[in-house]
Amino acid sequence: METVKDARGVKTLSRQALEQMVTLVSDAIVLVDAQSPKLPVIYSNPAHEDLTGFTPEDLVGKPWDLPKR
């Protein structure tokens, strides 16, 4: 995995490495914009769709409130 150093010189994973990990893990992951009051979904990984049936198109841009079918 590619690592990079941040401004403090601390090693971190590259954005590409993080995206690859989030896409490949078998755990459901949903990312929200925590700076917005409605917590809109900005990403959901394939495992989330496999486990819940909700596609990224069902979720992205909508407030995170555990969507219902």
Protein backbone atom coordinates (compact mmCIF):
# COMPACT_ATOMS: atom_id res chain seq x y z
CA MET A 1 0.00 0.00 0.00
CA GLU A 2 1.21 3.42 -0.89
CA THR A 3 1.85 5.75 2.00
CA VAL A 4 2.37 9.49 1.98
CA LYS A 5 3.45 11.97 4.65
CA ASP A 6 1.09 14.68 5.78
CA ALA A 7 2.14 18.24 6.65
CA ARG A 8 3.38 17.08 10.06
CA GLY A 9 5.51 14.36 8.48
CA VAL A 10 3.21 11.59 9.73
CA LYS A 11 2.83 8.64 7.36
CA THR A 12 -0.71 8.12 6.13
CA LEU A 13 -2.31 6.03 3.41
CA SER A 14 -2.81 7.69 0.06
CA ARG A 15 -6.34 8.58 -1.00
CA GLN A 16 -6.14 5.90 -3.69
CA ALA A 17 -5.20 3.25 -1.12
CA LEU A 18 -8.05 4.31 1.18
CA GLU A 19 -10.57 4.24 -1.68
CA GLN A 20 -9.39 0.79 -2.69
CA MET A 21 -9.73 -0.52 0.88
CA VAL A 22 -13.22 0.93 1.35
CA THR A 23 -14.35 -0.57 -1.96
CA LEU A 24 -12.93 -4.04 -1.26
CA VAL A 25 -13.88 -4.65 2.39
CA SER A 26 -16.83 -6.91 3.14
CA ASP A 27 -18.21 -4.53 5.78
CA ALA A 28 -20.91 -2.06 4.81
CA ILE A 29 -19.58 1.50 4.77
CA VAL A 30 -21.59 4.68 4.26
CA LEU A 31 -19.86 8.06 4.35
CA VAL A 32 -21.81 11.21 5.15
CA ASP A 33 -20.95 14.90 5.07
CA ALA A 34 -20.72 15.54 8.81
CA GLN A 35 -20.42 19.29 8.24
CA SER A 36 -23.93 19.46 6.80
CA PRO A 37 -26.85 19.46 9.27
CA LYS A 38 -28.79 16.85 7.30
CA LEU A 39 -25.80 14.46 7.03
CA PRO A 40 -26.16 13.79 3.30
CA VAL A 41 -24.66 10.53 2.09
CA ILE A 42 -21.60 11.08 -0.10
CA TYR A 43 -20.57 7.44 -0.65
CA SER A 44 -21.66 3.87 0.01
CA ASN A 45 -19.51 0.87 -0.81
CA PRO A 46 -20.50 -2.28 -2.73
CA ALA A 47 -20.76 -4.30 0.50
CA HIS A 48 -23.46 -1.93 1.76
CA GLU A 49 -25.47 -2.57 -1.39
CA ASP A 50 -24.93 -6.33 -1.09
CA LEU A 51 -26.11 -6.33 2.52
CA THR A 52 -29.00 -3.88 2.29
CA GLY A 53 -30.06 -3.74 -1.36
CA PHE A 54 -29.67 0.06 -1.39
CA THR A 55 -27.59 1.24 -4.35
CA PRO A 56 -25.40 4.33 -4.19
CA GLU A 57 -27.97 6.01 -6.42
CA ASP A 58 -30.61 5.31 -3.73
CA LEU A 59 -28.51 7.02 -1.07
CA VAL A 60 -26.08 9.65 -2.37
CA GLY A 61 -27.30 13.18 -1.74
CA LYS A 62 -30.03 12.08 0.65
CA PRO A 63 -29.96 12.63 4.42
CA TRP A 64 -28.63 9.67 6.39
CA ASP A 65 -31.51 8.45 8.49
CA LEU A 66 -31.38 4.72 7.82
CA PRO A 67 -33.46 4.75 4.63
CA LYS A 68 -36.56 2.62 4.46
CA ARG A 69 -37.87 0.68 1.48
